[in-house]
Amino acid sequence: MSRSLLFATLLITLGGCVYIPPVTQGNYLKSSQVQSLKVGMTQDQVRYLFGQPMLADPFHSDAWHYVYYAKPGAKTKAKIYRLTVYFKNGKVTRFTTSAPPADAPS
């Protein structure tokens, strides 16, 4: 009886000691890279600047989506940054961003 009580107490106590590692995924972009993006650049220039896009919709090949997701810990809110580059005839026509990229990973 005492061993099972000790074991149950140990399990309950250790249940709160779970380590949740930080999670980062996607395309990490520096603000200097985003500032270098200009209307009229070719798709090859954009790929050289940012790398391969995280999402390339096969149904809308004129838009590339660069997404960065960072969740530093269990009790912090995730940060998501998006950059979408729109092309027409292989050249950048416009781009949108959800938030300015951080210069240091979170």
PDB file of N, CA and C in Angstrom:
ATOM      1  N   MET A   1       0.831  -1.190   0.000  1.00  0.00           N
ATOM      2  CA  MET A   1       0.000   0.000   0.000  1.00  0.00           C
ATOM      3  C   MET A   1       0.875   1.255   0.000  1.00  0.00           C
ATOM      4  N   SER A   2       1.896   1.252   0.850  1.00  0.00           N
ATOM      5  CA  SER A   2       2.740   2.439   0.928  1.00  0.00           C
ATOM      6  C   SER A   2       3.570   2.618  -0.341  1.00  0.00           C
ATOM      7  N   ARG A   3       3.968   1.510  -0.979  1.00  0.00           N
ATOM      8  CA  ARG A   3       4.727   1.626  -2.218  1.00  0.00           C
ATOM      9  C   ARG A   3       3.857   2.205  -3.333  1.00  0.00           C
ATOM     10  N   SER A   4       2.625   1.751  -3.438  1.00  0.00           N
ATOM     11  CA  SER A   4       1.746   2.276  -4.478  1.00  0.00           C
ATOM     12  C   SER A   4       1.404   3.747  -4.221  1.00  0.00           C
ATOM     13  N   LEU A   5       1.260   4.137  -2.977  1.00  0.00           N
ATOM     14  CA  LEU A   5       1.011   5.536  -2.635  1.00  0.00           C
ATOM     15  C   LEU A   5       2.232   6.386  -2.983  1.00  0.00           C
ATOM     16  N   LEU A   6       3.420   5.887  -2.672  1.00  0.00           N
ATOM     17  CA  LEU A   6       4.651   6.587  -2.997  1.00  0.00           C
ATOM     18  C   LEU A   6       4.809   6.711  -4.516  1.00  0.00           C
ATOM     19  N   PHE A   7       4.520   5.655  -5.247  1.00  0.00           N
ATOM     20  CA  PHE A   7       4.618   5.662  -6.704  1.00  0.00           C
ATOM     21  C   PHE A   7       3.612   6.656  -7.306  1.00  0.00           C
ATOM     22  N   ALA A   8       2.388   6.679  -6.830  1.00  0.00           N
ATOM     23  CA  ALA A   8       1.372   7.602  -7.327  1.00  0.00           C
ATOM     24  C   ALA A   8       1.770   9.053  -7.044  1.00  0.00           C
ATOM     25  N   THR A   9       2.306   9.306  -5.861  1.00  0.00           N
ATOM     26  CA  THR A   9       2.761  10.648  -5.506  1.00  0.00           C
ATOM     27  C   THR A   9       3.910  11.079  -6.411  1.00  0.00           C
ATOM     28  N   LEU A  10       4.819  10.163  -6.679  1.00  0.00           N
ATOM     29  CA  LEU A  10       5.953  10.444  -7.541  1.00  0.00           C
ATOM     30  C   LEU A  10       5.487  10.771  -8.964  1.00  0.00           C
ATOM     31  N   LEU A  11       4.533  10.015  -9.491  1.00  0.00           N
ATOM     32  CA  LEU A  11       4.012  10.273 -10.833  1.00  0.00           C
ATOM     33  C   LEU A  11       3.321  11.626 -10.935  1.00  0.00           C
ATOM     34  N   ILE A  12       2.556  11.965  -9.926  1.00  0.00           N
ATOM     35  CA  ILE A  12       1.848  13.250  -9.918  1.00  0.00           C
ATOM     36  C   ILE A  12       2.845  14.398  -9.836  1.00  0.00           C
ATOM     37  N   THR A  13       3.859  14.245  -9.012  1.00  0.00           N
ATOM     38  CA  THR A  13       4.861  15.296  -8.837  1.00  0.00           C
ATOM     39  C   THR A  13       5.677  15.501 -10.102  1.00  0.00           C
ATOM     40  N   LEU A  14       6.088  14.425 -10.743  1.00  0.00           N
ATOM     41  CA  LEU A  14       6.909  14.534 -11.941  1.00  0.00           C
ATOM     42  C   LEU A  14       6.108  14.934 -13.171  1.00  0.00           C
ATOM     43  N   GLY A  15       4.817  14.833 -13.112  1.00  0.00           N
ATOM     44  CA  GLY A  15       3.976  15.216 -14.239  1.00  0.00           C
ATOM     45  C   GLY A  15       4.092  16.682 -14.583  1.00  0.00           C
ATOM     46  N   GLY A  16       4.396  17.533 -13.621  1.00  0.00           N
ATOM     47  CA  GLY A  16       4.555  18.964 -13.859  1.00  0.00           C
ATOM     48  C   GLY A  16       5.940  19.337 -14.337  1.00  0.00           C
ATOM     49  N   CYS A  17       6.841  18.417 -14.417  1.00  0.00           N
ATOM     50  CA  CYS A  17       8.229  18.691 -14.785  1.00  0.00           C
ATOM     51  C   CYS A  17       8.526  18.293 -16.222  1.00  0.00           C
ATOM     52  N   VAL A  18       7.609  18.497 -17.087  1.00  0.00           N
ATOM     53  CA  VAL A  18       7.801  18.117 -18.473  1.00  0.00           C
ATOM     54  C   VAL A  18       8.447  19.290 -19.205  1.00  0.00           C
ATOM     55  N   TYR A  19       9.553  19.040 -19.877  1.00  0.00           N
ATOM     56  CA  TYR A  19      10.251  20.069 -20.644  1.00  0.00           C
ATOM     57  C   TYR A  19       9.655  20.133 -22.043  1.00  0.00           C
ATOM     58  N   ILE A  20       9.256  21.313 -22.438  1.00  0.00           N
ATOM     59  CA  ILE A  20       8.744  21.517 -23.781  1.00  0.00           C
ATOM     60  C   ILE A  20       9.750  22.407 -24.511  1.00  0.00           C
ATOM     61  N   PRO A  21      10.444  21.855 -25.492  1.00  0.00           N
ATOM     62  CA  PRO A  21      11.499  22.622 -26.168  1.00  0.00           C
ATOM     63  C   PRO A  21      10.928  23.725 -27.046  1.00  0.00           C
ATOM     64  N   PRO A  22      11.722  24.755 -27.297  1.00  0.00           N
ATOM     65  CA  PRO A  22      11.271  25.800 -28.214  1.00  0.00           C
ATOM     66  C   PRO A  22      11.133  25.246 -29.628  1.00  0.00           C
ATOM     67  N   VAL A  23      10.163  25.768 -30.359  1.00  0.00           N
ATOM     68  CA  VAL A  23       9.896  25.292 -31.715  1.00  0.00           C
ATOM     69  C   VAL A  23      10.026  26.466 -32.672  1.00  0.00           C
ATOM     70  N   THR A  24      10.854  26.299 -33.700  1.00  0.00           N
ATOM     71  CA  THR A  24      10.936  27.274 -34.785  1.00  0.00           C
ATOM     72  C   THR A  24      10.878  26.519 -36.106  1.00  0.00           C
ATOM     73  N   GLN A  25      10.108  27.061 -37.027  1.00  0.00           N
ATOM     74  CA  GLN A  25       9.934  26.422 -38.323  1.00  0.00           C
ATOM     75  C   GLN A  25       9.807  27.483 -39.396  1.00  0.00           C
ATOM     76  N   GLY A  26      10.173  27.115 -40.591  1.00  0.00           N
ATOM     77  CA  GLY A  26       9.917  27.982 -41.726  1.00  0.00           C
ATOM     78  C   GLY A  26      11.119  28.755 -42.193  1.00  0.00           C
ATOM     79  N   ASN A  27      10.830  29.855 -42.896  1.00  0.00           N
ATOM     80  CA  ASN A  27      11.843  30.707 -43.487  1.00  0.00           C
ATOM     81  C   ASN A  27      12.127  31.875 -42.552  1.00  0.00           C
ATOM     82  N   TYR A  28      13.311  31.874 -41.938  1.00  0.00           N
ATOM     83  CA  TYR A  28      13.694  32.998 -41.087  1.00  0.00           C
ATOM     84  C   TYR A  28      14.224  34.110 -41.973  1.00  0.00           C
ATOM     85  N   LEU A  29      13.607  35.268 -41.938  1.00  0.00           N
ATOM     86  CA  LEU A  29      13.990  36.391 -42.777  1.00  0.00           C
ATOM     87  C   LEU A  29      14.454  37.550 -41.914  1.00  0.00           C
ATOM     88  N   LYS A  30      15.571  38.143 -42.276  1.00  0.00           N
ATOM     89  CA  LYS A  30      16.066  39.339 -41.588  1.00  0.00           C
ATOM     90  C   LYS A  30      15.414  40.568 -42.209  1.00  0.00           C
ATOM     91  N   SER A  31      15.300  41.619 -41.417  1.00  0.00           N
ATOM     92  CA  SER A  31      14.671  42.839 -41.933  1.00  0.00           C
ATOM     93  C   SER A  31      15.462  43.407 -43.106  1.00  0.00           C
ATOM     94  N   SER A  32      16.786  43.253 -43.105  1.00  0.00           N
ATOM     95  CA  SER A  32      17.595  43.757 -44.223  1.00  0.00           C
ATOM     96  C   SER A  32      17.259  43.013 -45.519  1.00  0.00           C
ATOM     97  N   GLN A  33      16.927  41.711 -45.410  1.00  0.00           N
ATOM     98  CA  GLN A  33      16.531  40.956 -46.599  1.00  0.00           C
ATOM     99  C   GLN A  33      15.209  41.475 -47.151  1.00  0.00           C
ATOM    100  N   VAL A  34      14.247  41.695 -46.254  1.00  0.00           N
ATOM    101  CA  VAL A  34      12.923  42.172 -46.687  1.00  0.00           C
ATOM    102  C   VAL A  34      13.046  43.558 -47.310  1.00  0.00           C
ATOM    103  N   GLN A  35      13.925  44.405 -46.755  1.00  0.00           N
ATOM    104  CA  GLN A  35      14.109  45.747 -47.314  1.00  0.00           C
ATOM    105  C   GLN A  35      14.774  45.701 -48.683  1.00  0.00           C
ATOM    106  N   SER A  36      15.493  44.615 -48.985  1.00  0.00           N
ATOM    107  CA  SER A  36      16.144  44.471 -50.286  1.00  0.00           C
ATOM    108  C   SER A  36      15.176  44.037 -51.379  1.00  0.00           C
ATOM    109  N   LEU A  37      14.008  43.553 -51.011  1.00  0.00           N
ATOM    110  CA  LEU A  37      13.021  43.101 -51.980  1.00  0.00           C
ATOM    111  C   LEU A  37      12.414  44.305 -52.693  1.00  0.00           C
ATOM    112  N   LYS A  38      12.450  44.268 -54.013  1.00  0.00           N
ATOM    113  CA  LYS A  38      11.955  45.388 -54.812  1.00  0.00           C
ATOM    114  C   LYS A  38      11.013  44.874 -55.906  1.00  0.00           C
ATOM    115  N   VAL A  39      10.057  45.700 -56.264  1.00  0.00           N
ATOM    116  CA  VAL A  39       9.167  45.405 -57.384  1.00  0.00           C
ATOM    117  C   VAL A  39      10.023  45.358 -58.643  1.00  0.00           C
ATOM    118  N   GLY A  40       9.784  44.348 -59.479  1.00  0.00           N
ATOM    119  CA  GLY A  40      10.525  44.193 -60.717  1.00  0.00           C
ATOM    120  C   GLY A  40      11.607  43.129 -60.651  1.00  0.00           C
ATOM    121  N   MET A  41      11.907  42.626 -59.447  1.00  0.00           N
ATOM    122  CA  MET A  41      12.896  41.556 -59.325  1.00  0.00           C
ATOM    123  C   MET A  41      12.355  40.279 -59.966  1.00  0.00           C
ATOM    124  N   THR A  42      13.257  39.435 -60.455  1.00  0.00           N
ATOM    125  CA  THR A  42      12.845  38.170 -61.052  1.00  0.00           C
ATOM    126  C   THR A  42      12.643  37.110 -59.966  1.00  0.00           C
ATOM    127  N   GLN A  43      12.001  36.008 -60.348  1.00  0.00           N
ATOM    128  CA  GLN A  43      11.802  34.914 -59.402  1.00  0.00           C
ATOM    129  C   GLN A  43      13.131  34.334 -58.948  1.00  0.00           C
ATOM    130  N   ASP A  44      14.113  34.270 -59.833  1.00  0.00           N
ATOM    131  CA  ASP A  44      15.431  33.773 -59.442  1.00  0.00           C
ATOM    132  C   ASP A  44      16.093  34.686 -58.425  1.00  0.00           C
ATOM    133  N   GLN A  45      15.945  35.990 -58.577  1.00  0.00           N
ATOM    134  CA  GLN A  45      16.517  36.934 -57.618  1.00  0.00           C
ATOM    135  C   GLN A  45      15.855  36.791 -56.244  1.00  0.00           C
ATOM    136  N   VAL A  46      14.546  36.610 -56.238  1.00  0.00           N
ATOM    137  CA  VAL A  46      13.830  36.431 -54.973  1.00  0.00           C
ATOM    138  C   VAL A  46      14.251  35.122 -54.311  1.00  0.00           C
ATOM    139  N   ARG A  47      14.385  34.065 -55.091  1.00  0.00           N
ATOM    140  CA  ARG A  47      14.824  32.779 -54.551  1.00  0.00           C
ATOM    141  C   ARG A  47      16.247  32.886 -53.996  1.00  0.00           C
ATOM    142  N   TYR A  48      17.113  33.633 -54.652  1.00  0.00           N
ATOM    143  CA  TYR A  48      18.477  33.838 -54.166  1.00  0.00           C
ATOM    144  C   TYR A  48      18.470  34.621 -52.853  1.00  0.00           C
ATOM    145  N   LEU A  49      17.584  35.609 -52.754  1.00  0.00           N
ATOM    146  CA  LEU A  49      17.504  36.464 -51.560  1.00  0.00           C
ATOM    147  C   LEU A  49      16.919  35.734 -50.358  1.00  0.00           C
ATOM    148  N   PHE A  50      15.832  34.979 -50.550  1.00  0.00           N
ATOM    149  CA  PHE A  50      15.109  34.359 -49.438  1.00  0.00           C
ATOM    150  C   PHE A  50      15.214  32.838 -49.375  1.00  0.00           C
ATOM    151  N   GLY A  51      15.631  32.222 -50.452  1.00  0.00           N
ATOM    152  CA  GLY A  51      15.618  30.765 -50.505  1.00  0.00           C
ATOM    153  C   GLY A  51      14.294  30.277 -51.065  1.00  0.00           C
ATOM    154  N   GLN A  52      14.117  28.985 -50.999  1.00  0.00           N
ATOM    155  CA  GLN A  52      12.889  28.365 -51.513  1.00  0.00           C
ATOM    156  C   GLN A  52      11.712  28.766 -50.617  1.00  0.00           C
ATOM    157  N   PRO A  53      10.568  29.132 -51.186  1.00  0.00           N
ATOM    158  CA  PRO A  53       9.436  29.518 -50.341  1.00  0.00           C
ATOM    159  C   PRO A  53       8.895  28.335 -49.541  1.00  0.00           C
ATOM    160  N   MET A  54       8.372  28.638 -48.364  1.00  0.00           N
ATOM    161  CA  MET A  54       7.782  27.615 -47.509  1.00  0.00           C
ATOM    162  C   MET A  54       6.541  27.015 -48.172  1.00  0.00           C
ATOM    163  N   LEU A  55       5.748  27.872 -48.797  1.00  0.00           N
ATOM    164  CA  LEU A  55       4.526  27.430 -49.462  1.00  0.00           C
ATOM    165  C   LEU A  55       4.486  27.996 -50.871  1.00  0.00           C
ATOM    166  N   ALA A  56       4.313  27.142 -51.830  1.00  0.00           N
ATOM    167  CA  ALA A  56       4.101  27.562 -53.213  1.00  0.00           C
ATOM    168  C   ALA A  56       2.844  26.836 -53.692  1.00  0.00           C
ATOM    169  N   ASP A  57       1.794  27.582 -53.839  1.00  0.00           N
ATOM    170  CA  ASP A  57       0.502  27.017 -54.220  1.00  0.00           C
ATOM    171  C   ASP A  57       0.533  26.591 -55.685  1.00  0.00           C
ATOM    172  N   PRO A  58       0.316  25.310 -55.973  1.00  0.00           N
ATOM    173  CA  PRO A  58       0.356  24.868 -57.370  1.00  0.00           C
ATOM    174  C   PRO A  58      -0.780  25.451 -58.213  1.00  0.00           C
ATOM    175  N   PHE A  59      -1.843  25.910 -57.581  1.00  0.00           N
ATOM    176  CA  PHE A  59      -2.970  26.483 -58.310  1.00  0.00           C
ATOM    177  C   PHE A  59      -2.798  27.977 -58.552  1.00  0.00           C
ATOM    178  N   HIS A  60      -1.926  28.610 -57.768  1.00  0.00           N
ATOM    179  CA  HIS A  60      -1.635  30.040 -57.907  1.00  0.00           C
ATOM    180  C   HIS A  60      -0.122  30.211 -57.896  1.00  0.00           C
ATOM    181  N   SER A  61       0.530  29.856 -58.988  1.00  0.00           N
ATOM    182  CA  SER A  61       1.986  29.876 -59.034  1.00  0.00           C
ATOM    183  C   SER A  61       2.558  31.289 -59.058  1.00  0.00           C
ATOM    184  N   ASP A  62       1.678  32.278 -59.101  1.00  0.00           N
ATOM    185  CA  ASP A  62       2.150  33.659 -59.111  1.00  0.00           C
ATOM    186  C   ASP A  62       2.331  34.234 -57.704  1.00  0.00           C
ATOM    187  N   ALA A  63       2.194  33.422 -56.670  1.00  0.00           N
ATOM    188  CA  ALA A  63       2.382  33.887 -55.290  1.00  0.00           C
ATOM    189  C   ALA A  63       3.248  32.901 -54.523  1.00  0.00           C
ATOM    190  N   TRP A  64       4.284  33.424 -53.864  1.00  0.00           N
ATOM    191  CA  TRP A  64       5.139  32.618 -52.994  1.00  0.00           C
ATOM    192  C   TRP A  64       4.942  33.085 -51.569  1.00  0.00           C
ATOM    193  N   HIS A  65       4.847  32.131 -50.651  1.00  0.00           N
ATOM    194  CA  HIS A  65       4.591  32.435 -49.247  1.00  0.00           C
ATOM    195  C   HIS A  65       5.791  32.018 -48.402  1.00  0.00           C
ATOM    196  N   TYR A  66       6.371  32.980 -47.726  1.00  0.00           N
ATOM    197  CA  TYR A  66       7.456  32.716 -46.782  1.00  0.00           C
ATOM    198  C   TYR A  66       6.865  32.866 -45.390  1.00  0.00           C
ATOM    199  N   VAL A  67       6.929  31.809 -44.597  1.00  0.00           N
ATOM    200  CA  VAL A  67       6.305  31.795 -43.271  1.00  0.00           C
ATOM    201  C   VAL A  67       7.358  31.408 -42.242  1.00  0.00           C
ATOM    202  N   TYR A  68       7.371  32.137 -41.112  1.00  0.00           N
ATOM    203  CA  TYR A  68       8.268  31.809 -40.011  1.00  0.00           C
ATOM    204  C   TYR A  68       7.426  31.682 -38.751  1.00  0.00           C
ATOM    205  N   TYR A  69       7.579  30.557 -38.055  1.00  0.00           N
ATOM    206  CA  TYR A  69       6.818  30.261 -36.839  1.00  0.00           C
ATOM    207  C   TYR A  69       7.819  30.059 -35.703  1.00  0.00           C
ATOM    208  N   ALA A  70       7.626  30.781 -34.600  1.00  0.00           N
ATOM    209  CA  ALA A  70       8.507  30.626 -33.437  1.00  0.00           C
ATOM    210  C   ALA A  70       7.666  30.549 -32.175  1.00  0.00           C
ATOM    211  N   LYS A  71       7.904  29.535 -31.390  1.00  0.00           N
ATOM    212  CA  LYS A  71       7.252  29.365 -30.088  1.00  0.00           C
ATOM    213  C   LYS A  71       8.356  29.056 -29.095  1.00  0.00           C
ATOM    214  N   PRO A  72       8.828  30.077 -28.346  1.00  0.00           N
ATOM    215  CA  PRO A  72       9.983  29.913 -27.477  1.00  0.00           C
ATOM    216  C   PRO A  72       9.777  28.952 -26.308  1.00  0.00           C
ATOM    217  N   GLY A  73       8.585  28.786 -25.825  1.00  0.00           N
ATOM    218  CA  GLY A  73       8.359  27.892 -24.694  1.00  0.00           C
ATOM    219  C   GLY A  73       6.901  27.545 -24.532  1.00  0.00           C
ATOM    220  N   ALA A  74       6.634  26.762 -23.486  1.00  0.00           N
ATOM    221  CA  ALA A  74       5.280  26.254 -23.289  1.00  0.00           C
ATOM    222  C   ALA A  74       4.284  27.356 -22.923  1.00  0.00           C
ATOM    223  N   LYS A  75       4.735  28.356 -22.174  1.00  0.00           N
ATOM    224  CA  LYS A  75       3.791  29.360 -21.664  1.00  0.00           C
ATOM    225  C   LYS A  75       3.830  30.667 -22.445  1.00  0.00           C
ATOM    226  N   THR A  76       4.490  30.669 -23.582  1.00  0.00           N
ATOM    227  CA  THR A  76       4.555  31.877 -24.392  1.00  0.00           C
ATOM    228  C   THR A  76       3.716  31.707 -25.654  1.00  0.00           C
ATOM    229  N   LYS A  77       3.266  32.827 -26.166  1.00  0.00           N
ATOM    230  CA  LYS A  77       2.440  32.804 -27.364  1.00  0.00           C
ATOM    231  C   LYS A  77       3.340  32.681 -28.596  1.00  0.00           C
ATOM    232  N   ALA A  78       2.905  31.937 -29.561  1.00  0.00           N
ATOM    233  CA  ALA A  78       3.667  31.740 -30.793  1.00  0.00           C
ATOM    234  C   ALA A  78       3.683  33.026 -31.614  1.00  0.00           C
ATOM    235  N   LYS A  79       4.816  33.259 -32.287  1.00  0.00           N
ATOM    236  CA  LYS A  79       4.948  34.392 -33.186  1.00  0.00           C
ATOM    237  C   LYS A  79       4.980  33.846 -34.608  1.00  0.00           C
ATOM    238  N   ILE A  80       4.157  34.433 -35.460  1.00  0.00           N
ATOM    239  CA  ILE A  80       4.096  33.991 -36.843  1.00  0.00           C
ATOM    240  C   ILE A  80       4.296  35.214 -37.736  1.00  0.00           C
ATOM    241  N   TYR A  81       5.284  35.123 -38.610  1.00  0.00           N
ATOM    242  CA  TYR A  81       5.554  36.183 -39.574  1.00  0.00           C
ATOM    243  C   TYR A  81       5.323  35.623 -40.966  1.00  0.00           C
ATOM    244  N   ARG A  82       4.676  36.430 -41.809  1.00  0.00           N
ATOM    245  CA  ARG A  82       4.399  36.000 -43.172  1.00  0.00           C
ATOM    246  C   ARG A  82       4.873  37.053 -44.156  1.00  0.00           C
ATOM    247  N   LEU A  83       5.437  36.584 -45.237  1.00  0.00           N
ATOM    248  CA  LEU A  83       5.787  37.448 -46.364  1.00  0.00           C
ATOM    249  C   LEU A  83       5.256  36.751 -47.610  1.00  0.00           C
ATOM    250  N   THR A  84       4.421  37.426 -48.362  1.00  0.00           N
ATOM    251  CA  THR A  84       3.883  36.880 -49.600  1.00  0.00           C
ATOM    252  C   THR A  84       4.363  37.759 -50.741  1.00  0.00           C
ATOM    253  N   VAL A  85       4.982  37.120 -51.722  1.00  0.00           N
ATOM    254  CA  VAL A  85       5.502  37.819 -52.892  1.00  0.00           C
ATOM    255  C   VAL A  85       4.651  37.420 -54.091  1.00  0.00           C
ATOM    256  N   TYR A  86       4.138  38.425 -54.804  1.00  0.00           N
ATOM    257  CA  TYR A  86       3.276  38.190 -55.962  1.00  0.00           C
ATOM    258  C   TYR A  86       4.053  38.492 -57.244  1.00  0.00           C
ATOM    259  N   PHE A  87       3.907  37.609 -58.232  1.00  0.00           N
ATOM    260  CA  PHE A  87       4.616  37.732 -59.498  1.00  0.00           C
ATOM    261  C   PHE A  87       3.629  37.842 -60.656  1.00  0.00           C
ATOM    262  N   LYS A  88       4.092  38.481 -61.715  1.00  0.00           N
ATOM    263  CA  LYS A  88       3.381  38.474 -62.989  1.00  0.00           C
ATOM    264  C   LYS A  88       4.454  38.432 -64.069  1.00  0.00           C
ATOM    265  N   ASN A  89       4.361  37.441 -64.947  1.00  0.00           N
ATOM    266  CA  ASN A  89       5.363  37.220 -65.994  1.00  0.00           C
ATOM    267  C   ASN A  89       6.764  37.057 -65.420  1.00  0.00           C
ATOM    268  N   GLY A  90       6.865  36.413 -64.253  1.00  0.00           N
ATOM    269  CA  GLY A  90       8.158  36.119 -63.653  1.00  0.00           C
ATOM    270  C   GLY A  90       8.814  37.267 -62.914  1.00  0.00           C
ATOM    271  N   LYS A  91       8.096  38.383 -62.722  1.00  0.00           N
ATOM    272  CA  LYS A  91       8.653  39.550 -62.022  1.00  0.00           C
ATOM    273  C   LYS A  91       7.747  39.925 -60.850  1.00  0.00           C
ATOM    274  N   VAL A  92       8.367  40.443 -59.789  1.00  0.00           N
ATOM    275  CA  VAL A  92       7.630  40.859 -58.587  1.00  0.00           C
ATOM    276  C   VAL A  92       6.751  42.057 -58.939  1.00  0.00           C
ATOM    277  N   THR A  93       5.452  41.938 -58.627  1.00  0.00           N
ATOM    278  CA  THR A  93       4.532  43.059 -58.831  1.00  0.00           C
ATOM    279  C   THR A  93       4.206  43.743 -57.505  1.00  0.00           C
ATOM    280  N   ARG A  94       4.155  42.954 -56.446  1.00  0.00           N
ATOM    281  CA  ARG A  94       3.886  43.505 -55.105  1.00  0.00           C
ATOM    282  C   ARG A  94       4.224  42.440 -54.082  1.00  0.00           C
ATOM    283  N   PHE A  95       4.261  42.859 -52.811  1.00  0.00           N
ATOM    284  CA  PHE A  95       4.486  41.905 -51.722  1.00  0.00           C
ATOM    285  C   PHE A  95       3.825  42.441 -50.462  1.00  0.00           C
ATOM    286  N   THR A  96       3.419  41.531 -49.603  1.00  0.00           N
ATOM    287  CA  THR A  96       2.784  41.901 -48.339  1.00  0.00           C
ATOM    288  C   THR A  96       3.482  41.154 -47.209  1.00  0.00           C
ATOM    289  N   THR A  97       3.445  41.742 -46.037  1.00  0.00           N
ATOM    290  CA  THR A  97       4.025  41.118 -44.867  1.00  0.00           C
ATOM    291  C   THR A  97       3.084  41.311 -43.686  1.00  0.00           C
ATOM    292  N   SER A  98       2.984  40.295 -42.826  1.00  0.00           N
ATOM    293  CA  SER A  98       2.073  40.379 -41.679  1.00  0.00           C
ATOM    294  C   SER A  98       2.685  41.135 -40.520  1.00  0.00           C
ATOM    295  N   ALA A  99       3.994  41.100 -40.423  1.00  0.00           N
ATOM    296  CA  ALA A  99       4.690  41.779 -39.338  1.00  0.00           C
ATOM    297  C   ALA A  99       6.141  41.948 -39.753  1.00  0.00           C
ATOM    298  N   PRO A 100       6.800  42.967 -39.221  1.00  0.00           N
ATOM    299  CA  PRO A 100       8.220  43.098 -39.556  1.00  0.00           C
ATOM    300  C   PRO A 100       9.011  41.931 -38.985  1.00  0.00           C
ATOM    301  N   PRO A 101       9.934  41.357 -39.755  1.00  0.00           N
ATOM    302  CA  PRO A 101      10.704  40.223 -39.250  1.00  0.00           C
ATOM    303  C   PRO A 101      11.620  40.648 -38.116  1.00  0.00           C
ATOM    304  N   ALA A 102      11.799  39.758 -37.196  1.00  0.00           N
ATOM    305  CA  ALA A 102      12.700  40.004 -36.076  1.00  0.00           C
ATOM    306  C   ALA A 102      14.131  39.800 -36.558  1.00  0.00           C
ATOM    307  N   ASP A 103      15.055  40.579 -36.014  1.00  0.00           N
ATOM    308  CA  ASP A 103      16.455  40.400 -36.379  1.00  0.00           C
ATOM    309  C   ASP A 103      17.140  39.338 -35.541  1.00  0.00           C
ATOM    310  N   ALA A 104      16.462  38.852 -34.525  1.00  0.00           N
ATOM    311  CA  ALA A 104      17.004  37.778 -33.710  1.00  0.00           C
ATOM    312  C   ALA A 104      15.900  36.749 -33.507  1.00  0.00           C
ATOM    313  N   PRO A 105      16.187  35.469 -33.742  1.00  0.00           N
ATOM    314  CA  PRO A 105      15.154  34.453 -33.546  1.00  0.00           C
ATOM    315  C   PRO A 105      14.629  34.483 -32.129  1.00  0.00           C
ATOM    316  N   SER A 106      13.305  34.283 -32.010  1.00  0.00           N
ATOM    317  CA  SER A 106      12.687  34.258 -30.681  1.00  0.00           C
ATOM    318  C   SER A 106      12.581  32.856 -30.177  1.00  0.00           C
TER     319      SER A 106
END
